[in-house]
Amino acid sequence: VSTQSTGSSGINAEYGATVSALPSALESIDWSYYSSRVGDPSIVDDFKAKYAGVSIPRPEDTTSASIGVLEADFKKDVAEYLSGANERIATFESKLANLHAEKPMEEMTVEEYLSDKPELRAKIEADIASRAL
């Protein structure tokens, strides 16, 4: 066992490797060996019967289906987000290309600047009109 912190994924991988290394079935017990070594073979027979009667049930999986549904929903949400993000990126790149295509501000007149911004032009004209004497 490592003494370094490996995070939850490292712990899970280590646990999975440990469990995978175990045999899939228990080794069979040589009951005749124990019967020949123990003074009273009925003790071994009794133990053998009790051992055969032990049953350890596997826990029922009640969460995998709901986790699968959550995973599918999450993947759908991520795909929608990425689609929207790519659309926003394309819009911003287009706006950036338009800005790069404009004349430099130092060489531009006010009329040239406001030519493609009618809302700003209207706001400025309204502000000028409200301050008129």
Protein backbone atom coordinates (compact mmCIF):
# COMPACT_ATOMS: atom_id res chain seq x y z
CA VAL A 1 0.00 0.00 0.00
CA SER A 2 1.36 3.38 -1.00
CA THR A 3 1.82 6.04 1.67
CA GLN A 4 1.45 8.86 -0.84
CA SER A 5 -1.92 10.48 -1.48
CA THR A 6 -3.03 9.40 -4.93
CA GLY A 7 -6.50 10.94 -4.97
CA SER A 8 -9.76 9.04 -5.26
CA SER A 9 -9.06 7.73 -8.77
CA GLY A 10 -5.70 6.31 -7.63
CA ILE A 11 -7.32 4.66 -4.64
CA ASN A 12 -10.04 3.18 -6.85
CA ALA A 13 -7.47 1.87 -9.32
CA GLU A 14 -5.41 0.36 -6.49
CA TYR A 15 -8.52 -1.25 -5.00
CA GLY A 16 -9.58 -2.58 -8.41
CA ALA A 17 -6.13 -4.08 -8.98
CA THR A 18 -6.20 -5.75 -5.55
CA VAL A 19 -9.65 -7.24 -6.15
CA SER A 20 -8.73 -8.36 -9.68
CA ALA A 21 -5.72 -10.22 -8.33
CA LEU A 22 -7.97 -12.42 -6.17
CA PRO A 23 -9.11 -15.78 -7.57
CA SER A 24 -12.63 -15.83 -8.98
CA ALA A 25 -13.54 -18.89 -6.87
CA LEU A 26 -12.30 -20.17 -3.53
CA GLU A 27 -9.84 -23.01 -3.55
CA SER A 28 -11.46 -26.33 -2.69
CA ILE A 29 -10.78 -27.70 0.78
CA ASP A 30 -9.30 -31.18 1.06
CA TRP A 31 -11.72 -32.46 3.69
CA SER A 32 -10.19 -35.95 3.64
CA TYR A 33 -6.86 -34.49 4.75
CA TYR A 34 -8.50 -32.91 7.81
CA SER A 35 -10.57 -36.05 8.52
CA SER A 36 -7.38 -38.09 8.64
CA ARG A 37 -5.60 -35.61 10.93
CA VAL A 38 -8.40 -34.80 13.42
CA GLY A 39 -9.12 -37.38 16.11
CA ASP A 40 -12.90 -37.32 15.58
CA PRO A 41 -13.85 -37.20 11.85
CA SER A 42 -17.44 -36.26 12.75
CA ILE A 43 -16.14 -32.82 13.78
CA VAL A 44 -14.75 -32.36 10.28
CA ASP A 45 -18.02 -33.61 8.73
CA ASP A 46 -20.00 -31.18 10.91
CA PHE A 47 -17.68 -28.32 9.96
CA LYS A 48 -17.90 -29.35 6.27
CA ALA A 49 -21.71 -29.27 6.39
CA LYS A 50 -21.75 -25.88 8.09
CA TYR A 51 -19.16 -24.52 5.64
CA ALA A 52 -21.26 -25.73 2.69
CA GLY A 53 -24.31 -24.01 4.21
CA VAL A 54 -22.66 -20.59 4.35
CA SER A 55 -23.98 -18.34 1.65
CA ILE A 56 -22.87 -14.73 1.24
CA PRO A 57 -25.31 -12.95 -1.06
CA ARG A 58 -24.05 -10.33 -3.49
CA PRO A 59 -25.56 -6.92 -2.86
CA GLU A 60 -28.17 -5.92 -5.41
CA ASP A 61 -27.12 -3.16 -7.80
CA THR A 62 -29.72 -0.44 -7.34
CA THR A 63 -27.78 2.58 -8.55
CA SER A 64 -26.12 1.74 -11.88
CA ALA A 65 -29.25 2.44 -13.91
CA SER A 66 -29.78 5.86 -12.31
CA ILE A 67 -26.09 6.70 -12.73
CA GLY A 68 -26.35 5.76 -16.40
CA VAL A 69 -29.33 8.11 -16.82
CA LEU A 70 -27.45 10.92 -15.06
CA GLU A 71 -24.41 10.31 -17.25
CA ALA A 72 -26.51 10.45 -20.43
CA ASP A 73 -28.18 13.68 -19.27
CA PHE A 74 -24.80 15.17 -18.40
CA LYS A 75 -23.35 14.25 -21.80
CA LYS A 76 -26.37 15.84 -23.50
CA ASP A 77 -25.97 19.02 -21.42
CA VAL A 78 -22.26 19.19 -22.21
CA ALA A 79 -22.91 18.72 -25.94
CA GLU A 80 -25.50 21.54 -25.86
CA TYR A 81 -23.12 23.79 -23.94
CA LEU A 82 -20.27 23.09 -26.37
CA SER A 83 -22.54 23.79 -29.33
CA GLY A 84 -23.57 27.13 -27.83
CA ALA A 85 -19.99 27.92 -26.88
CA ASN A 86 -18.81 27.24 -30.43
CA GLU A 87 -21.55 29.53 -31.78
CA ARG A 88 -20.51 32.29 -29.34
CA ILE A 89 -16.86 31.83 -30.30
CA ALA A 90 -17.75 32.15 -34.00
CA THR A 91 -19.75 35.33 -33.25
CA PHE A 92 -16.90 36.86 -31.27
CA GLU A 93 -14.36 35.93 -33.94
CA SER A 94 -16.57 37.57 -36.56
CA LYS A 95 -16.84 40.75 -34.46
CA LEU A 96 -13.09 40.71 -33.91
CA ALA A 97 -12.47 40.34 -37.64
CA ASN A 98 -14.78 43.32 -38.27
CA LEU A 99 -12.84 45.38 -35.73
CA HIS A 100 -9.54 44.46 -37.38
CA ALA A 101 -10.98 45.41 -40.78
CA GLU A 102 -11.89 48.93 -39.64
CA LYS A 103 -9.62 51.88 -40.11
CA PRO A 104 -7.47 52.70 -37.11
CA MET A 105 -9.25 55.04 -34.69
CA GLU A 106 -6.57 57.68 -35.22
CA GLU A 107 -7.44 57.90 -38.93
CA MET A 108 -11.25 57.67 -38.58
CA THR A 109 -13.71 60.58 -38.45
CA VAL A 110 -16.71 60.61 -36.12
CA GLU A 111 -19.01 60.14 -39.14
CA GLU A 112 -17.05 57.07 -40.27
CA TYR A 113 -17.12 55.62 -36.75
CA LEU A 114 -20.87 56.13 -36.34
CA SER A 115 -21.76 54.96 -39.86
CA ASP A 116 -22.40 51.35 -38.78
CA LYS A 117 -23.64 52.16 -35.25
CA PRO A 118 -27.13 53.70 -35.65
CA GLU A 119 -28.09 53.15 -31.99
CA LEU A 120 -25.01 55.00 -30.76
CA ARG A 121 -25.56 57.75 -33.34
CA ALA A 122 -29.17 58.23 -32.14
CA LYS A 123 -28.09 58.30 -28.49
CA ILE A 124 -25.39 60.90 -29.16
CA GLU A 125 -27.75 63.06 -31.24
CA ALA A 126 -30.41 62.85 -28.48
CA ASP A 127 -27.81 63.81 -25.86
CA ILE A 128 -26.68 66.78 -27.98
CA ALA A 129 -30.28 67.87 -28.56
CA SER A 130 -31.06 67.71 -24.82
CA ARG A 131 -28.10 70.01 -24.06
CA ALA A 132 -28.89 72.52 -26.79
CA LEU A 133 -29.48 76.09 -25.67
